[in-house]
């Protein structure tokens, strides 16, 4: 159902971001352990990180769930695979030459601010970058769902199923 909803999207530009979700203590038990179920240790205890790709209107398109300590940029190539857009908006965590090359191969503009430690500053479109707040607002709407804000599911596949259901509700509003 979610895939059918996302076929009618606004591809003027796409946005990538991630958020941390705390895992309930009951979500950490079961066969295979935490590493098989995208649970990781961070300052807040057991967490999962949800990486999301959103369209220009701030509606979710794709998700990846990883352990909480995973860096943001690791899921970006998988989220962008097969996508088309004029520009890709992301924050400083996504500033890498490899990702910029991937975006260039998509024939899109990378609207990513340069990290402070980058030797050669790469300019970005600051006016377009202001639109990135839409993906943050989308995460805020998703966190209104209690089951999204705190992970209660032991298995990642069940948690991902609920994420897609919550995202479908956002698309239908």
N, C-alpha and C. Protein backbone atom coordinates (compact mmCIF):
# COMPACT_ATOMS: atom_id res chain seq x y z
N UNK A 1 0.82 -1.18 0.00
CA UNK A 1 0.00 0.00 0.00
C UNK A 1 0.88 1.26 0.00
N UNK A 2 1.93 1.24 0.82
CA UNK A 2 2.82 2.40 0.90
C UNK A 2 3.48 2.68 -0.45
N UNK A 3 3.92 1.63 -1.13
CA UNK A 3 4.55 1.81 -2.45
C UNK A 3 3.59 2.43 -3.45
N UNK A 4 2.33 2.05 -3.38
CA UNK A 4 1.34 2.62 -4.30
C UNK A 4 1.13 4.10 -4.02
N UNK A 5 1.16 4.50 -2.77
CA UNK A 5 0.99 5.91 -2.41
C UNK A 5 2.17 6.76 -2.88
N UNK A 6 3.37 6.22 -2.79
CA UNK A 6 4.57 7.02 -3.09
C UNK A 6 4.84 7.16 -4.57
N UNK A 7 4.04 6.55 -5.42
CA UNK A 7 4.27 6.72 -6.86
C UNK A 7 3.92 8.13 -7.32
N UNK A 8 3.01 8.81 -6.64
CA UNK A 8 2.62 10.17 -6.99
C UNK A 8 3.30 11.15 -6.04
N UNK A 9 4.57 11.41 -6.30
CA UNK A 9 5.34 12.25 -5.38
C UNK A 9 5.91 13.45 -6.12
N UNK A 10 6.39 14.39 -5.32
CA UNK A 10 6.99 15.61 -5.86
C UNK A 10 8.50 15.43 -5.85
N UNK A 11 9.09 15.17 -7.02
CA UNK A 11 10.52 14.90 -7.12
C UNK A 11 11.35 16.12 -7.47
N UNK A 12 10.84 17.30 -7.22
CA UNK A 12 11.64 18.50 -7.50
C UNK A 12 12.97 18.38 -6.77
N UNK A 13 12.91 18.00 -5.51
CA UNK A 13 14.11 17.68 -4.75
C UNK A 13 13.76 16.64 -3.70
N UNK A 14 14.78 15.93 -3.23
CA UNK A 14 14.61 14.90 -2.21
C UNK A 14 15.44 15.30 -0.99
N UNK A 15 15.03 14.85 0.17
CA UNK A 15 15.73 15.16 1.41
C UNK A 15 16.08 13.87 2.14
N UNK A 16 17.24 13.85 2.76
CA UNK A 16 17.69 12.70 3.55
C UNK A 16 17.98 13.18 4.96
N UNK A 17 17.57 12.38 5.93
CA UNK A 17 17.90 12.66 7.32
C UNK A 17 17.68 11.38 8.13
N UNK A 18 18.01 11.44 9.40
CA UNK A 18 17.79 10.29 10.28
C UNK A 18 17.40 10.76 11.66
N UNK A 19 16.83 9.85 12.43
CA UNK A 19 16.46 10.15 13.80
C UNK A 19 16.73 8.92 14.66
N UNK A 20 16.97 9.17 15.92
CA UNK A 20 17.22 8.10 16.89
C UNK A 20 15.90 7.77 17.58
N UNK A 21 15.67 6.47 17.77
CA UNK A 21 14.48 6.00 18.47
C UNK A 21 14.94 5.10 19.61
N UNK A 22 14.51 5.43 20.80
CA UNK A 22 14.85 4.59 21.95
C UNK A 22 14.10 3.28 21.88
N UNK A 23 14.75 2.23 22.30
CA UNK A 23 14.13 0.91 22.30
C UNK A 23 13.73 0.56 23.73
N UNK A 24 12.53 0.04 23.86
CA UNK A 24 12.03 -0.42 25.16
C UNK A 24 12.86 -1.63 25.57
N UNK A 25 13.01 -1.86 26.86
CA UNK A 25 13.86 -2.96 27.31
C UNK A 25 13.36 -4.31 26.82
N UNK A 26 12.05 -4.47 26.62
CA UNK A 26 11.52 -5.73 26.13
C UNK A 26 11.84 -5.97 24.66
N UNK A 27 12.21 -4.92 23.93
CA UNK A 27 12.55 -5.07 22.52
C UNK A 27 13.93 -5.68 22.34
N UNK A 28 14.71 -5.74 23.38
CA UNK A 28 16.10 -6.18 23.26
C UNK A 28 16.27 -7.67 23.49
N UNK A 29 15.23 -8.38 23.80
CA UNK A 29 15.37 -9.81 24.05
C UNK A 29 15.01 -10.61 22.81
N UNK A 30 15.35 -11.85 22.82
CA UNK A 30 14.99 -12.71 21.70
C UNK A 30 16.20 -13.35 21.04
N UNK A 31 15.93 -14.27 20.12
CA UNK A 31 17.00 -15.00 19.43
C UNK A 31 17.82 -14.07 18.55
N UNK A 32 19.09 -14.36 18.47
CA UNK A 32 19.98 -13.59 17.60
C UNK A 32 20.59 -12.38 18.26
N UNK A 33 19.99 -11.90 19.32
CA UNK A 33 20.54 -10.75 20.02
C UNK A 33 20.25 -9.43 19.34
N UNK A 34 20.75 -8.38 19.94
CA UNK A 34 20.46 -7.02 19.47
C UNK A 34 21.07 -6.73 18.11
N UNK A 35 22.24 -7.29 17.81
CA UNK A 35 22.91 -6.96 16.54
C UNK A 35 22.10 -7.42 15.33
N UNK A 36 21.31 -8.48 15.46
CA UNK A 36 20.50 -8.95 14.35
C UNK A 36 19.20 -8.17 14.20
N UNK A 37 18.87 -7.35 15.16
CA UNK A 37 17.59 -6.65 15.15
C UNK A 37 17.75 -5.14 15.13
N UNK A 38 18.84 -4.63 14.60
CA UNK A 38 19.09 -3.20 14.43
C UNK A 38 18.96 -2.44 15.75
N UNK A 39 19.53 -2.99 16.79
CA UNK A 39 19.59 -2.32 18.08
C UNK A 39 21.05 -2.07 18.40
N UNK A 40 21.34 -0.87 18.84
CA UNK A 40 22.72 -0.54 19.16
C UNK A 40 22.80 0.27 20.44
N UNK A 41 23.98 0.34 20.96
CA UNK A 41 24.22 1.10 22.19
C UNK A 41 24.63 2.53 21.85
N UNK A 42 24.04 3.47 22.55
CA UNK A 42 24.46 4.86 22.46
C UNK A 42 24.28 5.46 23.84
N UNK A 43 24.45 6.75 23.95
CA UNK A 43 24.37 7.41 25.27
C UNK A 43 23.04 7.15 25.97
N UNK A 44 21.98 7.06 25.22
CA UNK A 44 20.66 6.89 25.81
C UNK A 44 20.29 5.46 26.08
N UNK A 45 21.20 4.51 25.86
CA UNK A 45 20.89 3.10 26.05
C UNK A 45 20.69 2.44 24.70
N UNK A 46 19.79 1.47 24.65
CA UNK A 46 19.52 0.77 23.39
C UNK A 46 18.71 1.66 22.46
N UNK A 47 19.21 1.80 21.25
CA UNK A 47 18.52 2.66 20.28
C UNK A 47 18.59 2.05 18.89
N UNK A 48 17.69 2.52 18.06
CA UNK A 48 17.71 2.25 16.63
C UNK A 48 17.72 3.59 15.92
N UNK A 49 18.30 3.61 14.73
CA UNK A 49 18.32 4.84 13.95
C UNK A 49 17.48 4.60 12.70
N UNK A 50 16.58 5.52 12.43
CA UNK A 50 15.73 5.44 11.25
C UNK A 50 16.22 6.48 10.26
N UNK A 51 16.69 6.00 9.11
CA UNK A 51 17.13 6.86 8.02
C UNK A 51 15.96 6.99 7.06
N UNK A 52 15.68 8.22 6.62
CA UNK A 52 14.51 8.42 5.78
C UNK A 52 14.84 9.29 4.58
N UNK A 53 14.19 8.98 3.47
CA UNK A 53 14.22 9.80 2.27
C UNK A 53 12.83 10.38 2.11
N UNK A 54 12.74 11.69 1.91
CA UNK A 54 11.44 12.35 1.78
C UNK A 54 11.40 13.16 0.49
N UNK A 55 10.19 13.42 0.00
CA UNK A 55 10.04 14.21 -1.21
C UNK A 55 10.02 15.70 -0.86
N UNK A 56 9.77 16.55 -1.85
CA UNK A 56 9.83 18.00 -1.66
C UNK A 56 8.73 18.51 -0.73
N UNK A 57 7.66 17.76 -0.57
CA UNK A 57 6.58 18.17 0.32
C UNK A 57 6.78 17.64 1.74
N UNK A 58 7.88 16.94 1.97
CA UNK A 58 8.16 16.41 3.31
C UNK A 58 7.44 15.11 3.60
N UNK A 59 7.04 14.38 2.57
CA UNK A 59 6.37 13.10 2.77
C UNK A 59 7.39 11.98 2.63
N UNK A 60 7.33 10.98 3.52
CA UNK A 60 8.33 9.91 3.51
C UNK A 60 8.24 9.03 2.25
N UNK A 61 9.41 8.64 1.73
CA UNK A 61 9.47 7.77 0.55
C UNK A 61 10.12 6.43 0.85
N UNK A 62 11.23 6.43 1.57
CA UNK A 62 11.96 5.21 1.89
C UNK A 62 12.53 5.28 3.29
N UNK A 63 12.73 4.09 3.88
CA UNK A 63 13.30 4.00 5.21
C UNK A 63 14.39 2.93 5.26
N UNK A 64 15.34 3.11 6.15
CA UNK A 64 16.32 2.10 6.50
C UNK A 64 16.45 2.16 8.01
N UNK A 65 16.49 1.00 8.64
CA UNK A 65 16.63 0.93 10.10
C UNK A 65 17.97 0.30 10.41
N UNK A 66 18.77 0.99 11.22
CA UNK A 66 20.10 0.51 11.59
C UNK A 66 20.27 0.63 13.09
N UNK A 67 21.32 0.01 13.65
CA UNK A 67 21.61 0.22 15.08
C UNK A 67 21.86 1.70 15.36
N UNK A 68 21.60 2.14 16.56
CA UNK A 68 21.66 3.55 16.92
C UNK A 68 22.99 4.23 16.75
N UNK A 69 24.09 3.49 16.80
CA UNK A 69 25.40 4.12 16.69
C UNK A 69 25.87 4.27 15.25
N UNK A 70 25.11 3.78 14.29
CA UNK A 70 25.49 3.85 12.88
C UNK A 70 25.50 5.29 12.39
N UNK A 71 26.52 5.64 11.61
CA UNK A 71 26.61 7.00 11.08
C UNK A 71 25.54 7.21 10.02
N UNK A 72 25.08 8.44 9.88
CA UNK A 72 24.00 8.77 8.96
C UNK A 72 24.32 8.43 7.51
N UNK A 73 25.54 8.67 7.09
CA UNK A 73 25.90 8.56 5.67
C UNK A 73 25.90 7.12 5.16
N UNK A 74 25.95 6.13 6.05
CA UNK A 74 26.02 4.74 5.61
C UNK A 74 24.76 4.29 4.87
N UNK A 75 23.61 4.82 5.21
CA UNK A 75 22.35 4.40 4.58
C UNK A 75 21.99 5.26 3.36
N UNK A 76 22.67 6.36 3.16
CA UNK A 76 22.32 7.29 2.08
C UNK A 76 22.35 6.68 0.69
N UNK A 77 23.40 5.95 0.29
CA UNK A 77 23.40 5.39 -1.07
C UNK A 77 22.22 4.45 -1.33
N UNK A 78 21.87 3.64 -0.35
CA UNK A 78 20.74 2.72 -0.51
C UNK A 78 19.42 3.48 -0.63
N UNK A 79 19.27 4.57 0.11
CA UNK A 79 18.05 5.37 0.02
C UNK A 79 17.92 6.07 -1.32
N UNK A 80 19.03 6.49 -1.89
CA UNK A 80 19.01 7.23 -3.15
C UNK A 80 19.00 6.35 -4.39
N UNK A 81 19.23 5.06 -4.22
CA UNK A 81 19.32 4.16 -5.36
C UNK A 81 18.02 4.16 -6.18
N UNK A 82 18.17 4.44 -7.47
CA UNK A 82 17.03 4.43 -8.39
C UNK A 82 16.13 5.65 -8.33
N UNK A 83 16.53 6.68 -7.61
CA UNK A 83 15.71 7.88 -7.46
C UNK A 83 16.11 8.93 -8.49
N UNK A 84 15.18 9.82 -8.80
CA UNK A 84 15.44 10.95 -9.69
C UNK A 84 14.98 12.23 -9.01
N UNK A 85 15.80 13.27 -9.12
CA UNK A 85 15.45 14.57 -8.54
C UNK A 85 16.38 15.62 -9.11
N UNK A 86 15.98 16.89 -8.97
CA UNK A 86 16.84 17.98 -9.39
C UNK A 86 17.90 18.30 -8.35
N UNK A 87 17.57 18.05 -7.08
CA UNK A 87 18.51 18.35 -5.99
C UNK A 87 18.29 17.38 -4.84
N UNK A 88 19.35 17.15 -4.07
CA UNK A 88 19.29 16.32 -2.87
C UNK A 88 19.70 17.21 -1.70
N UNK A 89 18.82 17.34 -0.70
CA UNK A 89 19.09 18.15 0.47
C UNK A 89 19.46 17.26 1.64
N UNK A 90 20.54 17.61 2.33
CA UNK A 90 20.98 16.85 3.50
C UNK A 90 21.79 17.77 4.40
N UNK A 91 21.96 17.37 5.66
CA UNK A 91 22.75 18.19 6.58
C UNK A 91 24.23 17.83 6.50
N UNK A 92 25.04 18.45 7.36
CA UNK A 92 26.49 18.30 7.31
C UNK A 92 26.96 16.86 7.51
N UNK A 93 26.17 16.04 8.17
CA UNK A 93 26.57 14.65 8.40
C UNK A 93 26.73 13.89 7.09
N UNK A 94 26.10 14.37 6.04
CA UNK A 94 26.15 13.69 4.74
C UNK A 94 27.20 14.29 3.81
N UNK A 95 28.06 15.14 4.32
CA UNK A 95 29.09 15.78 3.51
C UNK A 95 30.26 14.82 3.30
N UNK A 96 30.27 14.14 2.16
CA UNK A 96 31.40 13.29 1.78
C UNK A 96 31.55 13.32 0.27
N UNK A 97 32.75 13.13 -0.19
CA UNK A 97 33.01 13.15 -1.62
C UNK A 97 32.29 12.01 -2.34
N UNK A 98 32.23 10.83 -1.70
CA UNK A 98 31.56 9.69 -2.32
C UNK A 98 30.07 9.94 -2.53
N UNK A 99 29.41 10.50 -1.52
CA UNK A 99 27.98 10.78 -1.67
C UNK A 99 27.76 11.88 -2.71
N UNK A 100 28.60 12.88 -2.71
CA UNK A 100 28.47 13.94 -3.71
C UNK A 100 28.65 13.38 -5.13
N UNK A 101 29.53 12.41 -5.27
CA UNK A 101 29.73 11.77 -6.57
C UNK A 101 28.48 10.97 -6.97
N UNK A 102 27.89 10.27 -6.01
CA UNK A 102 26.66 9.53 -6.27
C UNK A 102 25.54 10.46 -6.72
N UNK A 103 25.44 11.61 -6.07
CA UNK A 103 24.42 12.60 -6.44
C UNK A 103 24.71 13.18 -7.82
N UNK A 104 25.96 13.41 -8.14
CA UNK A 104 26.33 13.88 -9.49
C UNK A 104 25.95 12.86 -10.56
N UNK A 105 26.12 11.58 -10.25
CA UNK A 105 25.73 10.54 -11.21
C UNK A 105 24.23 10.51 -11.44
N UNK A 106 23.48 10.97 -10.45
CA UNK A 106 22.01 11.08 -10.60
C UNK A 106 21.63 12.33 -11.41
N UNK A 107 22.63 13.13 -11.76
CA UNK A 107 22.42 14.41 -12.44
C UNK A 107 21.57 15.35 -11.58
N UNK A 108 21.89 15.36 -10.29
CA UNK A 108 21.21 16.21 -9.33
C UNK A 108 22.22 17.12 -8.65
N UNK A 109 21.71 18.19 -8.05
CA UNK A 109 22.55 19.13 -7.32
C UNK A 109 22.61 18.69 -5.86
N UNK A 110 23.80 18.66 -5.28
CA UNK A 110 23.97 18.33 -3.87
C UNK A 110 23.85 19.62 -3.05
N UNK A 111 22.80 19.71 -2.25
CA UNK A 111 22.61 20.87 -1.37
C UNK A 111 22.96 20.40 0.04
N UNK A 112 24.27 20.33 0.27
CA UNK A 112 24.81 19.83 1.54
C UNK A 112 25.86 20.82 2.02
N UNK A 113 25.68 21.41 3.20
CA UNK A 113 26.70 22.32 3.72
C UNK A 113 28.01 21.57 3.98
N UNK A 114 29.12 22.24 3.78
CA UNK A 114 30.42 21.62 4.01
C UNK A 114 30.70 21.53 5.50
N UNK A 115 31.37 20.46 5.89
CA UNK A 115 31.81 20.33 7.28
C UNK A 115 32.87 21.38 7.56
N UNK A 116 33.04 21.69 8.80
CA UNK A 116 34.02 22.69 9.21
C UNK A 116 35.45 22.27 8.89
N UNK A 117 35.70 20.97 8.93
CA UNK A 117 37.07 20.49 8.72
C UNK A 117 37.39 20.19 7.25
N UNK A 118 36.48 20.50 6.34
CA UNK A 118 36.74 20.30 4.91
C UNK A 118 37.78 21.31 4.45
N UNK A 119 38.80 20.84 3.75
CA UNK A 119 39.88 21.72 3.31
C UNK A 119 39.42 22.70 2.24
N UNK A 120 38.61 22.21 1.30
CA UNK A 120 38.08 23.09 0.25
C UNK A 120 36.57 23.20 0.45
N UNK A 121 36.13 24.38 0.82
CA UNK A 121 34.72 24.64 1.08
C UNK A 121 33.92 24.49 -0.22
N UNK A 122 32.82 23.74 -0.17
CA UNK A 122 31.95 23.56 -1.33
C UNK A 122 30.67 24.35 -1.07
N UNK A 123 30.38 25.35 -1.87
CA UNK A 123 29.19 26.16 -1.63
C UNK A 123 27.91 25.37 -1.91
N UNK A 124 26.82 25.79 -1.27
CA UNK A 124 25.52 25.16 -1.49
C UNK A 124 24.45 26.25 -1.58
N UNK A 125 23.32 25.90 -2.10
CA UNK A 125 22.20 26.83 -2.27
C UNK A 125 21.50 27.01 -0.91
N UNK A 126 21.76 28.13 -0.24
CA UNK A 126 21.23 28.34 1.11
C UNK A 126 19.72 28.52 1.11
N UNK A 127 19.16 29.11 0.06
CA UNK A 127 17.71 29.29 0.00
C UNK A 127 16.99 27.94 -0.13
N UNK A 128 17.52 27.07 -0.96
CA UNK A 128 16.92 25.74 -1.11
C UNK A 128 17.13 24.91 0.15
N UNK A 129 18.27 25.09 0.82
CA UNK A 129 18.57 24.34 2.03
C UNK A 129 17.55 24.63 3.14
N UNK A 130 16.96 25.81 3.11
CA UNK A 130 15.96 26.17 4.13
C UNK A 130 14.73 25.27 4.07
N UNK A 131 14.50 24.63 2.94
CA UNK A 131 13.35 23.73 2.79
C UNK A 131 13.53 22.41 3.52
N UNK A 132 14.75 22.15 4.00
CA UNK A 132 15.03 20.88 4.67
C UNK A 132 14.27 20.72 5.97
N UNK A 133 13.69 21.79 6.47
CA UNK A 133 12.91 21.68 7.70
C UNK A 133 11.71 20.75 7.52
N UNK A 134 11.30 20.52 6.29
CA UNK A 134 10.13 19.67 6.03
C UNK A 134 10.37 18.22 6.44
N UNK A 135 11.58 17.74 6.28
CA UNK A 135 11.85 16.36 6.70
C UNK A 135 11.88 16.28 8.23
N UNK A 136 12.34 17.32 8.88
CA UNK A 136 12.32 17.36 10.35
C UNK A 136 10.87 17.38 10.86
N UNK A 137 10.03 18.14 10.18
CA UNK A 137 8.61 18.16 10.58
C UNK A 137 7.95 16.82 10.33
N UNK A 138 8.38 16.12 9.29
CA UNK A 138 7.84 14.78 9.01
C UNK A 138 8.22 13.82 10.14
N UNK A 139 9.48 13.87 10.59
CA UNK A 139 9.87 13.05 11.73
C UNK A 139 9.03 13.41 12.96
N UNK A 140 8.75 14.69 13.14
CA UNK A 140 7.91 15.11 14.27
C UNK A 140 6.51 14.51 14.19
N UNK A 141 5.93 14.50 12.98
CA UNK A 141 4.60 13.89 12.81
C UNK A 141 4.66 12.38 13.05
N UNK A 142 5.73 11.74 12.60
CA UNK A 142 5.86 10.30 12.82
C UNK A 142 6.02 9.98 14.30
N UNK A 143 6.70 10.86 15.04
CA UNK A 143 6.91 10.60 16.46
C UNK A 143 5.66 10.83 17.30
N UNK A 144 4.59 11.32 16.69
CA UNK A 144 3.31 11.38 17.38
C UNK A 144 2.76 9.98 17.60
N UNK A 145 3.20 9.02 16.77
CA UNK A 145 2.82 7.63 16.96
C UNK A 145 3.71 7.05 18.05
N UNK A 146 3.12 6.64 19.14
CA UNK A 146 3.88 6.16 20.29
C UNK A 146 4.79 4.99 19.92
N UNK A 147 4.29 4.13 19.06
CA UNK A 147 5.06 2.95 18.67
C UNK A 147 6.26 3.31 17.79
N UNK A 148 6.24 4.48 17.18
CA UNK A 148 7.39 4.97 16.42
C UNK A 148 8.39 5.66 17.34
N UNK A 149 7.89 6.46 18.26
CA UNK A 149 8.76 7.24 19.16
C UNK A 149 9.57 6.35 20.09
N UNK A 150 9.00 5.23 20.50
CA UNK A 150 9.70 4.25 21.31
C UNK A 150 9.53 2.89 20.64
N UNK A 151 10.60 2.24 20.38
CA UNK A 151 10.53 0.95 19.70
C UNK A 151 10.17 -0.14 20.70
N UNK A 152 9.03 -0.78 20.49
CA UNK A 152 8.59 -1.88 21.34
C UNK A 152 8.77 -3.23 20.66
N UNK A 153 8.95 -3.24 19.35
CA UNK A 153 9.04 -4.49 18.59
C UNK A 153 10.41 -5.12 18.72
N UNK A 154 10.43 -6.43 18.92
CA UNK A 154 11.71 -7.13 19.01
C UNK A 154 12.34 -7.27 17.64
N UNK A 155 11.55 -7.58 16.64
CA UNK A 155 12.08 -7.83 15.31
C UNK A 155 12.03 -6.57 14.45
N UNK A 156 13.08 -6.33 13.73
CA UNK A 156 13.17 -5.15 12.88
C UNK A 156 12.10 -5.15 11.80
N UNK A 157 11.77 -6.31 11.28
CA UNK A 157 10.76 -6.39 10.21
C UNK A 157 9.39 -5.93 10.70
N UNK A 158 9.07 -6.21 11.95
CA UNK A 158 7.79 -5.76 12.51
C UNK A 158 7.80 -4.25 12.73
N UNK A 159 8.93 -3.74 13.21
CA UNK A 159 9.07 -2.30 13.41
C UNK A 159 8.99 -1.57 12.08
N UNK A 160 9.64 -2.10 11.06
CA UNK A 160 9.59 -1.50 9.72
C UNK A 160 8.18 -1.51 9.16
N UNK A 161 7.44 -2.57 9.42
CA UNK A 161 6.05 -2.63 8.97
C UNK A 161 5.22 -1.52 9.57
N UNK A 162 5.41 -1.25 10.87
CA UNK A 162 4.66 -0.16 11.48
C UNK A 162 5.10 1.19 10.94
N UNK A 163 6.39 1.36 10.69
CA UNK A 163 6.87 2.62 10.13
C UNK A 163 6.20 2.90 8.79
N UNK A 164 6.09 1.88 7.97
CA UNK A 164 5.43 2.05 6.67
C UNK A 164 3.94 2.35 6.84
N UNK A 165 3.31 1.76 7.83
CA UNK A 165 1.90 2.06 8.09
C UNK A 165 1.73 3.50 8.56
N UNK A 166 2.58 3.96 9.45
CA UNK A 166 2.52 5.34 9.92
C UNK A 166 2.79 6.33 8.78
N UNK A 167 3.74 5.97 7.92
CA UNK A 167 4.06 6.83 6.77
C UNK A 167 2.88 6.88 5.81
N UNK A 168 2.18 5.79 5.63
CA UNK A 168 1.00 5.76 4.76
C UNK A 168 -0.09 6.68 5.31
N UNK A 169 -0.23 6.72 6.62
CA UNK A 169 -1.21 7.62 7.24
C UNK A 169 -0.84 9.07 6.95
N UNK A 170 0.44 9.40 7.00
CA UNK A 170 0.88 10.77 6.67
C UNK A 170 0.57 11.09 5.22
N UNK A 171 0.77 10.15 4.32
CA UNK A 171 0.48 10.36 2.91
C UNK A 171 -1.01 10.58 2.68
N UNK A 172 -1.85 9.94 3.48
CA UNK A 172 -3.31 10.04 3.28
C UNK A 172 -3.91 11.31 3.87
N UNK A 173 -3.16 11.99 4.72
CA UNK A 173 -3.68 13.22 5.35
C UNK A 173 -3.68 14.38 4.39
